[in-house]
Amino acid sequence: EAEDAVLRTIARLDGTPFPSTAKLAGRWVGGRLRRRARSEAALETAYCAEVVALTYQAMGLLPADRAPNWYDPGRFWSGDDLPLLDGATLGAEVEVLIPPS
């Protein structure tokens, strides 16, 4: 079920561009001022934390009453305390090593 939610979110957001820096800041501030989630059907741009929030909401890990653009990237780093629903927890960070070319 959670995997299906992730795949549906990926399919829905595929090709959605990132906003400009100014628009990103405006979207985040707007998300902080509104608690209720708006429809993502009309989403024309999305920034990284917003995509993660939409995915977590689809999986039932984050409350749907908070707008996805309320979240900033710092909410998702391993040192932050992100309150997930139903006692869900995230595993340890996975280190990705890129070999030199």
N, C-alpha and C. Protein backbone atom coordinates (compact mmCIF):
# COMPACT_ATOMS: atom_id res chain seq x y z
N GLU A 1 0.82 -1.19 0.00
CA GLU A 1 0.00 0.00 0.00
C GLU A 1 0.87 1.26 0.00
N ALA A 2 1.88 1.31 0.88
CA ALA A 2 2.77 2.47 0.92
C ALA A 2 3.55 2.58 -0.38
N GLU A 3 3.99 1.43 -0.91
CA GLU A 3 4.72 1.46 -2.18
C GLU A 3 3.84 1.97 -3.30
N ASP A 4 2.58 1.57 -3.32
CA ASP A 4 1.65 2.06 -4.33
C ASP A 4 1.47 3.57 -4.22
N ALA A 5 1.40 4.08 -2.99
CA ALA A 5 1.25 5.52 -2.78
C ALA A 5 2.46 6.27 -3.32
N VAL A 6 3.66 5.71 -3.09
CA VAL A 6 4.89 6.34 -3.61
C VAL A 6 4.86 6.36 -5.13
N LEU A 7 4.52 5.24 -5.73
CA LEU A 7 4.50 5.16 -7.20
C LEU A 7 3.46 6.09 -7.81
N ARG A 8 2.29 6.21 -7.18
CA ARG A 8 1.26 7.14 -7.67
C ARG A 8 1.76 8.58 -7.58
N THR A 9 2.43 8.93 -6.49
CA THR A 9 2.95 10.29 -6.32
C THR A 9 4.02 10.58 -7.35
N ILE A 10 4.91 9.63 -7.58
CA ILE A 10 5.96 9.81 -8.59
C ILE A 10 5.33 10.03 -9.96
N ALA A 11 4.35 9.21 -10.30
CA ALA A 11 3.70 9.35 -11.61
C ALA A 11 3.00 10.70 -11.74
N ARG A 12 2.36 11.16 -10.66
CA ARG A 12 1.63 12.44 -10.70
C ARG A 12 2.59 13.62 -10.83
N LEU A 13 3.77 13.54 -10.19
CA LEU A 13 4.70 14.67 -10.17
C LEU A 13 5.79 14.57 -11.23
N ASP A 14 5.82 13.48 -11.99
CA ASP A 14 6.85 13.30 -13.01
C ASP A 14 6.87 14.48 -13.97
N GLY A 15 8.02 15.10 -14.13
CA GLY A 15 8.17 16.23 -15.04
C GLY A 15 7.82 17.58 -14.44
N THR A 16 7.41 17.61 -13.17
CA THR A 16 7.09 18.88 -12.52
C THR A 16 8.39 19.63 -12.24
N PRO A 17 8.55 20.82 -12.79
CA PRO A 17 9.81 21.55 -12.58
C PRO A 17 9.91 22.16 -11.19
N PHE A 18 11.14 22.45 -10.78
CA PHE A 18 11.39 23.19 -9.55
C PHE A 18 11.09 24.66 -9.82
N PRO A 19 10.59 25.39 -8.81
CA PRO A 19 10.35 26.82 -9.00
C PRO A 19 11.65 27.61 -8.91
N SER A 20 11.60 28.85 -9.35
CA SER A 20 12.75 29.73 -9.18
C SER A 20 12.95 29.96 -7.68
N THR A 21 14.09 30.48 -7.29
CA THR A 21 14.37 30.72 -5.87
C THR A 21 13.34 31.64 -5.24
N ALA A 22 12.98 32.70 -5.96
CA ALA A 22 11.99 33.64 -5.42
C ALA A 22 10.63 32.97 -5.25
N LYS A 23 10.22 32.19 -6.23
CA LYS A 23 8.93 31.50 -6.13
C LYS A 23 8.97 30.43 -5.04
N LEU A 24 10.10 29.75 -4.90
CA LEU A 24 10.24 28.75 -3.85
C LEU A 24 10.03 29.40 -2.49
N ALA A 25 10.70 30.51 -2.26
CA ALA A 25 10.56 31.22 -0.98
C ALA A 25 9.12 31.66 -0.76
N GLY A 26 8.50 32.16 -1.81
CA GLY A 26 7.10 32.59 -1.71
C GLY A 26 6.17 31.43 -1.40
N ARG A 27 6.40 30.30 -2.03
CA ARG A 27 5.56 29.12 -1.79
C ARG A 27 5.72 28.64 -0.35
N TRP A 28 6.98 28.62 0.13
CA TRP A 28 7.21 28.15 1.49
C TRP A 28 6.55 29.08 2.50
N VAL A 29 6.70 30.39 2.32
CA VAL A 29 6.06 31.35 3.23
C VAL A 29 4.54 31.17 3.17
N GLY A 30 4.01 31.00 1.97
CA GLY A 30 2.58 30.77 1.84
C GLY A 30 2.14 29.51 2.57
N GLY A 31 2.95 28.47 2.51
CA GLY A 31 2.63 27.24 3.22
C GLY A 31 2.67 27.41 4.72
N ARG A 32 3.55 28.25 5.21
CA ARG A 32 3.63 28.53 6.65
C ARG A 32 2.42 29.30 7.14
N LEU A 33 1.83 30.11 6.26
CA LEU A 33 0.69 30.92 6.66
C LEU A 33 -0.63 30.15 6.61
N ARG A 34 -0.66 29.08 5.83
CA ARG A 34 -1.87 28.25 5.71
C ARG A 34 -1.58 26.87 6.28
N ARG A 35 -2.50 26.37 7.11
CA ARG A 35 -2.32 25.02 7.67
C ARG A 35 -2.96 23.97 6.78
N ARG A 36 -4.03 24.29 6.12
CA ARG A 36 -4.74 23.30 5.33
C ARG A 36 -4.05 23.03 4.02
N ALA A 37 -4.00 21.77 3.66
CA ALA A 37 -3.41 21.39 2.38
C ALA A 37 -4.32 21.82 1.24
N ARG A 38 -3.70 22.32 0.19
CA ARG A 38 -4.46 22.66 -1.01
C ARG A 38 -4.32 21.51 -1.99
N SER A 39 -5.11 21.52 -3.01
CA SER A 39 -5.06 20.44 -3.99
C SER A 39 -3.74 20.49 -4.75
N GLU A 40 -3.08 19.32 -4.86
CA GLU A 40 -1.86 19.28 -5.64
C GLU A 40 -2.14 19.03 -7.11
N ALA A 41 -3.41 18.92 -7.47
CA ALA A 41 -3.77 18.67 -8.87
C ALA A 41 -3.29 19.81 -9.77
N ALA A 42 -3.28 21.04 -9.25
CA ALA A 42 -2.88 22.20 -10.03
C ALA A 42 -1.42 22.58 -9.80
N LEU A 43 -0.64 21.67 -9.25
CA LEU A 43 0.75 21.93 -8.94
C LEU A 43 1.55 22.11 -10.23
N GLU A 44 2.05 23.33 -10.44
CA GLU A 44 2.83 23.62 -11.65
C GLU A 44 4.31 23.48 -11.41
N THR A 45 4.75 23.77 -10.19
CA THR A 45 6.15 23.60 -9.80
C THR A 45 6.16 23.00 -8.40
N ALA A 46 7.26 22.36 -8.04
CA ALA A 46 7.38 21.79 -6.70
C ALA A 46 8.85 21.76 -6.32
N TYR A 47 9.15 22.11 -5.07
CA TYR A 47 10.53 22.03 -4.61
C TYR A 47 10.71 20.72 -3.84
N CYS A 48 11.96 20.35 -3.60
CA CYS A 48 12.31 19.01 -3.09
C CYS A 48 11.54 18.63 -1.83
N ALA A 49 11.51 19.49 -0.83
CA ALA A 49 10.83 19.14 0.42
C ALA A 49 9.33 19.00 0.20
N GLU A 50 8.79 19.76 -0.72
CA GLU A 50 7.36 19.66 -1.02
C GLU A 50 7.05 18.30 -1.66
N VAL A 51 7.93 17.82 -2.52
CA VAL A 51 7.75 16.51 -3.14
C VAL A 51 7.80 15.42 -2.07
N VAL A 52 8.77 15.52 -1.15
CA VAL A 52 8.87 14.54 -0.07
C VAL A 52 7.62 14.59 0.80
N ALA A 53 7.16 15.79 1.14
CA ALA A 53 5.97 15.92 1.97
C ALA A 53 4.74 15.33 1.27
N LEU A 54 4.58 15.61 -0.01
CA LEU A 54 3.46 15.03 -0.76
C LEU A 54 3.53 13.50 -0.74
N THR A 55 4.72 12.97 -0.91
CA THR A 55 4.90 11.51 -0.90
C THR A 55 4.58 10.94 0.47
N TYR A 56 5.11 11.55 1.52
CA TYR A 56 4.85 11.07 2.88
C TYR A 56 3.36 11.18 3.22
N GLN A 57 2.70 12.24 2.76
CA GLN A 57 1.26 12.37 3.00
C GLN A 57 0.50 11.27 2.28
N ALA A 58 0.88 10.97 1.05
CA ALA A 58 0.22 9.90 0.30
C ALA A 58 0.41 8.55 0.99
N MET A 59 1.55 8.38 1.65
CA MET A 59 1.84 7.14 2.36
C MET A 59 1.19 7.09 3.74
N GLY A 60 0.58 8.20 4.18
CA GLY A 60 -0.04 8.26 5.50
C GLY A 60 0.95 8.50 6.62
N LEU A 61 2.14 9.02 6.28
CA LEU A 61 3.17 9.27 7.29
C LEU A 61 3.11 10.69 7.86
N LEU A 62 2.55 11.62 7.10
CA LEU A 62 2.41 13.01 7.55
C LEU A 62 0.94 13.39 7.48
N PRO A 63 0.49 14.28 8.37
CA PRO A 63 -0.91 14.68 8.35
C PRO A 63 -1.26 15.44 7.07
N ALA A 64 -2.45 15.19 6.57
CA ALA A 64 -2.89 15.83 5.33
C ALA A 64 -3.41 17.25 5.57
N ASP A 65 -3.56 17.65 6.83
CA ASP A 65 -4.10 18.99 7.11
C ASP A 65 -3.04 20.09 7.02
N ARG A 66 -1.79 19.72 6.84
CA ARG A 66 -0.71 20.70 6.69
C ARG A 66 -0.32 20.75 5.22
N ALA A 67 -0.24 21.95 4.66
CA ALA A 67 0.13 22.10 3.25
C ALA A 67 1.52 21.53 3.00
N PRO A 68 1.72 20.80 1.90
CA PRO A 68 3.05 20.25 1.61
C PRO A 68 4.13 21.32 1.53
N ASN A 69 3.76 22.53 1.11
CA ASN A 69 4.75 23.59 1.02
C ASN A 69 5.04 24.24 2.38
N TRP A 70 4.48 23.71 3.46
CA TRP A 70 4.82 24.15 4.81
C TRP A 70 6.22 23.64 5.18
N TYR A 71 6.58 22.50 4.64
CA TYR A 71 7.84 21.84 5.00
C TYR A 71 9.02 22.44 4.24
N ASP A 72 10.12 22.63 4.94
CA ASP A 72 11.36 23.06 4.30
C ASP A 72 12.32 21.88 4.32
N PRO A 73 13.39 21.91 3.50
CA PRO A 73 14.31 20.76 3.44
C PRO A 73 14.87 20.36 4.80
N GLY A 74 15.06 21.30 5.69
CA GLY A 74 15.60 20.99 7.01
C GLY A 74 14.71 20.06 7.82
N ARG A 75 13.43 20.01 7.51
CA ARG A 75 12.51 19.12 8.23
C ARG A 75 12.82 17.65 7.96
N PHE A 76 13.48 17.38 6.85
CA PHE A 76 13.68 16.00 6.45
C PHE A 76 15.10 15.49 6.66
N TRP A 77 15.98 16.29 7.21
CA TRP A 77 17.33 15.79 7.44
C TRP A 77 17.32 14.94 8.71
N SER A 78 18.29 14.07 8.84
CA SER A 78 18.28 13.06 9.89
C SER A 78 18.33 13.63 11.30
N GLY A 79 18.81 14.84 11.48
CA GLY A 79 18.92 15.40 12.82
C GLY A 79 17.66 16.08 13.30
N ASP A 80 16.67 16.25 12.44
CA ASP A 80 15.43 16.92 12.83
C ASP A 80 14.45 15.90 13.39
N ASP A 81 13.57 16.35 14.23
CA ASP A 81 12.55 15.48 14.81
C ASP A 81 11.26 15.66 14.02
N LEU A 82 11.09 14.86 12.99
CA LEU A 82 9.90 14.92 12.15
C LEU A 82 8.85 13.98 12.73
N PRO A 83 7.77 14.53 13.27
CA PRO A 83 6.76 13.66 13.89
C PRO A 83 5.94 12.94 12.82
N LEU A 84 6.19 11.65 12.68
CA LEU A 84 5.45 10.83 11.72
C LEU A 84 4.23 10.22 12.41
N LEU A 85 3.21 9.92 11.65
CA LEU A 85 1.97 9.39 12.20
C LEU A 85 2.08 7.91 12.55
N ASP A 86 1.22 7.49 13.45
CA ASP A 86 1.07 6.09 13.83
C ASP A 86 2.37 5.44 14.30
N GLY A 87 3.25 6.22 14.91
CA GLY A 87 4.48 5.66 15.46
C GLY A 87 5.52 5.26 14.42
N ALA A 88 5.32 5.69 13.17
CA ALA A 88 6.29 5.37 12.11
C ALA A 88 7.62 6.05 12.40
N THR A 89 8.71 5.41 12.02
CA THR A 89 10.04 5.98 12.17
C THR A 89 10.83 5.75 10.90
N LEU A 90 11.80 6.59 10.68
CA LEU A 90 12.69 6.43 9.53
C LEU A 90 13.93 5.68 9.98
N GLY A 91 14.51 4.92 9.06
CA GLY A 91 15.74 4.21 9.35
C GLY A 91 16.92 5.16 9.31
N ALA A 92 18.09 4.60 9.52
CA ALA A 92 19.31 5.38 9.49
C ALA A 92 19.58 5.89 8.08
N GLU A 93 20.35 6.96 8.01
CA GLU A 93 20.74 7.50 6.70
C GLU A 93 21.53 6.45 5.93
N VAL A 94 21.38 6.49 4.62
CA VAL A 94 22.14 5.59 3.76
C VAL A 94 23.20 6.44 3.05
N GLU A 95 24.45 6.11 3.29
CA GLU A 95 25.54 6.86 2.67
C GLU A 95 25.68 6.41 1.21
N VAL A 96 25.75 7.38 0.32
CA VAL A 96 25.95 7.09 -1.09
C VAL A 96 27.35 7.59 -1.47
N LEU A 97 28.17 6.65 -1.90
CA LEU A 97 29.53 7.00 -2.30
C LEU A 97 29.62 6.97 -3.81
N ILE A 98 30.15 8.03 -4.38
CA ILE A 98 30.34 8.13 -5.83
C ILE A 98 31.82 7.98 -6.10
N PRO A 99 32.17 6.93 -6.81
CA PRO A 99 33.60 6.73 -7.07
C PRO A 99 34.15 7.82 -7.98
N PRO A 100 35.41 8.19 -7.79
CA PRO A 100 36.00 9.22 -8.67
C PRO A 100 36.05 8.71 -10.11
N SER A 101 35.90 9.62 -11.04
CA SER A 101 35.90 9.20 -12.45
C SER A 101 37.29 9.13 -13.03
